[in-house]
Protein backbone atom coordinates (compact mmCIF):
# COMPACT_ATOMS: atom_id res chain seq x y z
CA UNK A 1 -24.54 54.18 48.94
CA UNK A 2 -23.47 55.14 45.95
CA UNK A 3 -25.86 56.21 43.38
CA UNK A 4 -25.60 53.80 40.42
CA UNK A 5 -26.94 55.23 36.76
CA UNK A 6 -26.44 55.07 33.26
CA UNK A 7 -27.69 58.17 31.25
CA UNK A 8 -28.33 57.63 27.74
CA UNK A 9 -29.58 60.97 25.69
CA UNK A 10 -31.69 60.68 22.84
CA UNK A 11 -33.58 63.05 20.72
CA UNK A 12 -37.50 62.32 21.85
CA UNK A 13 -39.74 62.34 24.94
CA UNK A 14 -39.93 59.39 26.45
CA UNK A 15 -43.42 58.50 28.52
CA UNK A 16 -43.06 54.80 28.74
CA UNK A 17 -39.77 52.03 29.82
CA UNK A 18 -40.76 48.41 30.50
CA UNK A 19 -38.09 45.23 30.58
CA UNK A 20 -38.65 42.42 28.73
CA UNK A 21 -39.77 39.55 31.45
CA UNK A 22 -37.76 36.95 32.08
CA UNK A 23 -38.53 33.60 33.37
CA UNK A 24 -39.43 33.53 37.49
CA UNK A 25 -35.99 31.00 37.69
CA UNK A 26 -33.87 33.26 36.02
CA UNK A 27 -30.84 33.82 37.51
CA UNK A 28 -29.93 36.56 34.97
CA UNK A 29 -30.80 40.51 34.88
CA UNK A 30 -33.52 41.35 32.02
CA UNK A 31 -31.11 42.76 29.53
CA UNK A 32 -33.50 43.88 26.75
CA UNK A 33 -36.33 46.88 26.94
CA UNK A 34 -38.67 48.82 25.05
CA UNK A 35 -39.88 52.45 25.11
CA UNK A 36 -42.67 54.74 24.34
CA UNK A 37 -42.69 58.27 23.41
CA UNK A 38 -45.18 61.02 23.78
CA UNK A 39 -45.62 65.07 22.09
CA UNK A 40 -43.50 64.07 19.69
CA UNK A 41 -43.97 64.82 15.54
CA UNK A 42 -43.68 61.54 15.62
CA UNK A 43 -43.85 59.09 18.30
CA UNK A 44 -42.35 55.32 18.10
CA UNK A 45 -41.89 52.55 19.92
CA UNK A 46 -38.49 50.99 20.59
CA UNK A 47 -36.51 47.81 22.04
CA UNK A 48 -33.32 48.47 23.14
CA UNK A 49 -30.39 46.33 24.39
CA UNK A 50 -27.76 46.59 27.29
CA UNK A 51 -24.13 47.66 25.68
CA UNK A 52 -23.32 43.53 25.76
CA UNK A 53 -25.98 42.36 24.72
CA UNK A 54 -25.45 39.10 26.53
CA UNK A 55 -26.57 37.31 29.96
CA UNK A 56 -25.83 39.46 33.17
CA UNK A 57 -26.01 38.07 36.52
CA UNK A 58 -28.03 39.62 39.52
CA UNK A 59 -24.55 40.38 40.70
CA UNK A 60 -23.58 42.27 37.71
CA UNK A 61 -24.12 46.13 37.06
CA UNK A 62 -25.21 47.40 33.46
CA UNK A 63 -22.36 48.42 31.76
CA UNK A 64 -21.94 51.18 29.15
CA UNK A 65 -24.97 52.68 26.51
CA UNK A 66 -28.08 50.78 26.00
CA UNK A 67 -28.31 49.80 22.21
CA UNK A 68 -31.71 50.60 20.30
CA UNK A 69 -32.23 47.58 18.10
CA UNK A 70 -35.71 48.50 16.39
CA UNK A 71 -38.31 51.19 16.29
CA UNK A 72 -42.43 51.51 14.59
CA UNK A 73 -44.27 54.39 14.24
CA UNK A 74 -46.66 54.66 16.86
CA UNK A 75 -49.51 56.62 16.33
CA UNK A 76 -50.97 58.83 19.06
CA UNK A 77 -48.78 59.42 22.64
CA UNK A 78 -47.56 56.15 24.48
CA UNK A 79 -49.79 56.68 27.50
CA UNK A 80 -49.15 52.74 28.74
CA UNK A 81 -47.31 49.85 27.73
CA UNK A 82 -46.73 46.35 28.60
CA UNK A 83 -45.28 43.23 28.01
CA UNK A 84 -47.64 40.56 26.56
CA UNK A 85 -44.70 37.63 26.89
CA UNK A 86 -40.93 37.62 25.95
CA UNK A 87 -41.98 38.49 22.11
CA UNK A 88 -45.27 41.18 22.21
CA UNK A 89 -45.31 44.70 23.47
CA UNK A 90 -49.05 46.14 24.14
CA UNK A 91 -49.31 49.90 23.80
CA UNK A 92 -52.28 52.41 25.51
CA UNK A 93 -52.61 55.27 22.47
CA UNK A 94 -53.97 58.63 23.24
CA UNK A 95 -55.75 58.24 19.73
CA UNK A 96 -57.71 55.39 21.94
CA UNK A 97 -56.21 52.87 20.15
CA UNK A 98 -54.49 49.53 21.51
CA UNK A 99 -52.22 48.07 19.46
CA UNK A 100 -49.73 44.57 19.69
CA UNK A 101 -46.01 44.64 18.60
CA UNK A 102 -44.36 42.01 17.55
CA UNK A 103 -40.26 42.07 18.35
CA UNK A 104 -39.05 40.12 15.76
CA UNK A 105 -35.23 39.20 17.35
CA UNK A 106 -34.07 37.48 14.26
CA UNK A 107 -33.71 40.28 11.85
CA UNK A 108 -34.62 43.12 14.80
CA UNK A 109 -37.48 44.22 13.49
CA UNK A 110 -40.85 45.55 14.93
CA UNK A 111 -44.23 44.85 13.45
CA UNK A 112 -48.00 45.56 14.28
CA UNK A 113 -49.42 42.23 15.24
CA UNK A 114 -52.87 42.86 16.14
CA UNK A 115 -54.34 46.29 16.83
CA UNK A 116 -58.18 47.87 18.38
CA UNK A 117 -59.13 51.10 16.74
CA UNK A 118 -60.58 53.63 18.96
CA UNK A 119 -61.32 51.59 21.46
CA UNK A 120 -61.95 53.99 23.82
CA UNK A 121 -63.92 57.05 22.51
CA UNK A 122 -66.81 59.63 24.00
CA UNK A 123 -70.41 58.80 23.59
CA UNK A 124 -72.29 61.23 22.22
CA UNK A 125 -69.68 62.59 20.12
CA UNK A 126 -67.81 59.61 19.06
CA UNK A 127 -64.55 61.89 20.21
CA UNK A 128 -61.48 58.85 20.37
CA UNK A 129 -60.61 59.12 24.25
CA UNK A 130 -57.38 58.69 25.31
CA UNK A 131 -56.67 55.03 26.56
CA UNK A 132 -54.35 55.50 30.00
CA UNK A 133 -54.35 52.06 31.65
CA UNK A 134 -53.74 48.58 30.27
CA UNK A 135 -52.53 45.37 32.07
CA UNK A 136 -51.61 42.13 30.21
CA UNK A 137 -51.92 38.32 31.54
CA UNK A 138 -51.45 36.60 28.20
CA UNK A 139 -54.03 35.96 26.50
CA UNK A 140 -55.49 38.16 27.88
CA UNK A 141 -55.52 42.30 28.03
CA UNK A 142 -56.99 45.15 30.16
CA UNK A 143 -57.53 48.78 29.55
CA UNK A 144 -59.25 51.98 30.96
CA UNK A 145 -59.40 55.44 29.49
CA UNK A 146 -61.02 58.77 29.42
CA UNK A 147 -64.18 57.70 28.47
CA UNK A 148 -64.48 55.54 32.37
CA UNK A 149 -65.07 52.77 30.28
CA UNK A 150 -63.45 49.07 30.53
CA UNK A 151 -62.01 46.49 27.80
CA UNK A 152 -60.96 43.07 27.76
CA UNK A 153 -59.07 41.52 25.22
CA UNK A 154 -57.65 38.18 23.83
CA UNK A 155 -54.88 38.34 22.01
CA UNK A 156 -55.45 36.39 19.21
CA UNK A 157 -59.02 37.89 18.97
CA UNK A 158 -59.98 40.79 16.93
CA UNK A 159 -63.06 41.26 18.57
CA UNK A 160 -63.56 43.36 21.99
CA UNK A 161 -64.29 40.18 24.13
CA UNK A 162 -66.08 42.51 27.06
CA UNK A 163 -66.48 46.20 27.39
CA UNK A 164 -68.01 47.40 30.27
CA UNK A 165 -69.42 50.89 29.34
CA UNK A 166 -70.25 53.75 32.14
CA UNK A 167 -67.46 51.78 34.46
CA UNK A 168 -66.90 55.18 35.69
CA UNK A 169 -68.17 58.51 35.67
CA UNK A 170 -64.09 60.11 36.02
CA UNK A 171 -61.29 59.63 33.71
CA UNK A 172 -60.00 56.46 34.74
CA UNK A 173 -55.99 56.08 34.86
CA UNK A 174 -54.89 52.87 35.99
CA UNK A 175 -55.14 49.03 35.78
CA UNK A 176 -53.84 45.85 37.65
CA UNK A 177 -55.01 42.07 37.90
CA UNK A 178 -55.94 41.04 40.90
CA UNK A 179 -56.55 37.49 40.94
CA UNK A 180 -56.91 35.80 37.40
CA UNK A 181 -60.79 37.05 36.83
CA UNK A 182 -60.58 40.18 38.99
CA UNK A 183 -59.36 43.91 38.44
CA UNK A 184 -58.77 47.18 40.20
CA UNK A 185 -58.42 50.30 38.73
CA UNK A 186 -57.76 53.51 40.07
CA UNK A 187 -59.41 57.18 39.03
CA UNK A 188 -59.40 60.96 38.57
CA UNK A 189 -61.27 60.90 41.81
CA UNK A 190 -59.50 58.88 44.25
CA UNK A 191 -61.07 55.29 44.05
CA UNK A 192 -59.44 52.48 44.07
CA UNK A 193 -62.39 50.03 42.70
CA UNK A 194 -62.05 46.71 42.62
CA UNK A 195 -64.00 44.01 39.56
CA UNK A 196 -65.03 40.75 39.46
CA UNK A 197 -65.01 40.01 35.66
CA UNK A 198 -66.93 37.14 35.90
CA UNK A 199 -69.85 39.16 36.74
CA UNK A 200 -72.50 41.28 33.88
CA UNK A 201 -73.51 44.52 34.93
CA UNK A 202 -71.46 48.17 35.36
CA UNK A 203 -71.33 47.80 38.73
CA UNK A 204 -68.23 47.28 40.57
CA UNK A 205 -67.86 44.72 43.16
CA UNK A 206 -65.72 47.10 45.85
CA UNK A 207 -64.94 50.74 46.15
CA UNK A 208 -62.16 51.82 48.05
CA UNK A 209 -60.93 55.50 49.04
CA UNK A 210 -59.12 58.37 51.11
CA UNK A 211 -60.80 60.45 53.26
CA UNK A 212 -60.96 64.07 53.28
CA UNK A 213 -59.45 66.07 49.16
CA UNK A 214 -60.53 63.78 46.33
CA UNK A 215 -56.59 63.90 44.74
CA UNK A 216 -56.87 61.63 41.89
CA UNK A 217 -55.00 58.52 42.27
CA UNK A 218 -52.43 57.67 38.65
CA UNK A 219 -51.40 54.41 39.70
CA UNK A 220 -51.84 51.24 40.90
CA UNK A 221 -50.05 47.58 41.95
CA UNK A 222 -50.80 44.11 44.02
CA UNK A 223 -48.23 42.43 45.91
CA UNK A 224 -47.00 39.94 44.15
CA UNK A 225 -47.18 37.28 47.39
CA UNK A 226 -49.91 38.62 49.45
CA UNK A 227 -52.93 39.70 46.56
CA UNK A 228 -55.10 41.53 48.84
CA UNK A 229 -52.36 44.03 49.62
CA UNK A 230 -52.58 46.81 47.05
CA UNK A 231 -50.32 49.91 46.46
CA UNK A 232 -51.46 53.15 44.86
CA UNK A 233 -49.93 56.52 44.00
CA UNK A 234 -51.37 59.77 44.18
CA UNK A 235 -51.18 62.78 41.83
CA UNK A 236 -50.00 64.49 45.47
CA UNK A 237 -47.26 62.13 45.63
CA UNK A 238 -48.72 59.99 48.37
CA UNK A 239 -48.25 55.90 48.36
CA UNK A 240 -51.55 54.35 49.98
CA UNK A 241 -51.04 50.83 51.18
CA UNK A 242 -54.28 48.84 51.47
CA UNK A 243 -56.13 45.47 52.33
CA UNK A 244 -58.90 44.86 49.99
CA UNK A 245 -59.98 42.26 52.33
CA UNK A 246 -61.05 44.47 54.99
CA UNK A 247 -62.23 48.18 55.21
CA UNK A 248 -62.90 50.97 52.69
CA UNK A 249 -59.67 53.39 53.42
CA UNK A 250 -56.12 52.79 53.36
CA UNK A 251 -54.20 50.99 56.29
CA UNK A 252 -51.08 53.10 55.85
CA UNK A 253 -50.32 56.26 53.69
CA UNK A 254 -46.98 57.33 52.90
CA UNK A 255 -46.11 60.88 52.22
CA UNK A 256 -42.89 59.42 49.72
CA UNK A 257 -42.26 62.76 47.81
CA UNK A 258 -43.79 65.73 49.72
CA UNK A 259 -40.12 67.43 48.95
CA UNK A 260 -40.18 66.81 45.24
CA UNK A 261 -43.87 68.60 44.78
CA UNK A 262 -44.25 65.56 42.05
CA UNK A 263 -47.04 63.49 41.37
CA UNK A 264 -46.51 59.50 41.02
CA UNK A 265 -47.01 58.60 37.90
CA UNK A 266 -46.22 55.47 38.01
CA UNK A 267 -45.33 52.65 41.26
CA UNK A 268 -44.67 49.12 41.11
CA UNK A 269 -43.68 46.05 44.04
CA UNK A 270 -41.17 44.86 42.71
CA UNK A 271 -41.53 40.94 42.25
CA UNK A 272 -37.29 40.57 43.09
CA UNK A 273 -36.79 42.11 46.23
CA UNK A 274 -39.62 40.46 48.48
CA UNK A 275 -37.33 40.21 51.01
CA UNK A 276 -36.14 43.95 51.51
CA UNK A 277 -37.06 45.83 54.50
CA UNK A 278 -39.98 48.83 53.40
CA UNK A 279 -41.37 51.10 55.95
CA UNK A 280 -44.23 52.86 54.64
CA UNK A 281 -45.21 55.40 57.35
CA UNK A 282 -43.64 57.93 58.39
CA UNK A 283 -43.17 57.06 62.20
CA UNK A 284 -40.99 54.17 60.16
CA UNK A 285 -42.56 51.58 61.58
CA UNK A 286 -43.68 48.48 59.35
CA UNK A 287 -47.02 46.12 58.06
CA UNK A 288 -47.58 43.82 56.51
CA UNK A 289 -45.56 44.25 53.04
CA UNK A 290 -42.50 45.42 55.27
CA UNK A 291 -40.29 42.62 52.98
CA UNK A 292 -41.60 44.54 49.75
CA UNK A 293 -39.45 47.01 47.60
CA UNK A 294 -41.80 49.72 46.34
CA UNK A 295 -40.76 51.23 43.04
CA UNK A 296 -41.89 54.69 42.40
CA UNK A 297 -41.22 57.10 39.24
CA UNK A 298 -41.97 60.45 39.68
CA UNK A 299 -43.92 63.17 37.33
CA UNK A 300 -40.25 65.09 37.20
CA UNK A 301 -39.83 67.33 33.50
CA UNK A 302 -36.86 66.17 31.60
CA UNK A 303 -34.82 69.59 31.09
CA UNK A 304 -33.77 70.32 27.74
CA UNK A 305 -29.76 69.64 27.86
CA UNK A 306 -27.48 72.41 25.65
CA UNK A 307 -27.71 69.87 22.68
CA UNK A 308 -31.47 70.34 22.25
CA UNK A 309 -31.57 66.45 23.28
CA UNK A 310 -33.31 65.17 26.29
CA UNK A 311 -31.60 62.96 28.68
CA UNK A 312 -33.16 60.38 31.15
CA UNK A 313 -31.28 59.00 34.04
CA UNK A 314 -32.52 56.19 36.31
CA UNK A 315 -31.12 56.60 39.63
CA UNK A 316 -31.50 54.18 42.69
CA UNK A 317 -32.24 56.43 45.93
CA UNK A 318 -32.21 55.90 49.50
CA UNK A 319 -34.86 57.09 50.98
CA UNK A 320 -35.13 55.87 55.05
CA UNK A 321 -37.91 57.18 57.18
CA UNK A 322 -36.41 56.06 60.58
CA UNK A 323 -35.65 52.57 62.17
CA UNK A 324 -34.88 49.89 59.97
CA UNK A 325 -34.21 49.22 56.62
CA UNK A 326 -34.30 51.85 53.74
CA UNK A 327 -36.68 52.30 51.73
CA UNK A 328 -35.19 52.72 47.79
CA UNK A 329 -36.84 54.60 45.23
CA UNK A 330 -36.10 54.85 41.59
CA UNK A 331 -36.24 57.60 40.20
CA UNK A 332 -36.74 59.13 37.02
CA UNK A 333 -34.61 62.85 36.47
């Protein structure tokens, strides 16, 4: 299998990349994506299109460099970013602010649609705390932060719908919806927590953890068809598979990135590839999510090129652990 990738030289550090969603019934690949930057004198959110800016079938490959359509200044580092719908992009900032940007396709501009200033802050000092993760299910938005706080927003409301103070005594790194009224969070002491937003109080419904060292968990996602099956990625590069119906420990562990010695900063169970075999342990055996492609993003430092520009390359790499179909990782290097 040949590596297929496209590289684009940009003048800033990119922290997040998100494809604009397409309908589930669409036979076309997404052709527009957004990026967010970090650690720059002026950070920004950019919207890009594939070079031909047209419909691409599922069998076709992307050709050429992406074209930047528009950008807008972003206060603070972009810690996380999600599309709320085809027009709106939600960002989490290192300043603790959650912002909704609207993409105007008629004149290719971005504007601020809604903003919740200092949604995350440290109690007592009133200092801003980074917002580390967001998840969207239009019109609902949930954010988590370094302050251990969970905020619930509604896109059309200027007020915070609900805040769970002291939800965690440690930094919360990621969040995802399990069901409409339930969310999952991961934190810096290796815990996966389940929350029922219908219930009052600050206590989670369940707490899951890996025995041994409390290695921080950085990302979480659920299976698109089997909602009780959840995957998390850790600072040690370990991929954990959980069944939230049974037990409090992961049912499978995969030391996916031992060779790279890199933490797993992003991971998703890809809805478009639920029929690709994916062994999830070193013995090559399959578990209940064996027909799923899991995509992981490593925290690898982007090297400075001779021109002083940063190079972002996306590769698809086969990764076989034994018998069965190979597991493909999409890796940023």
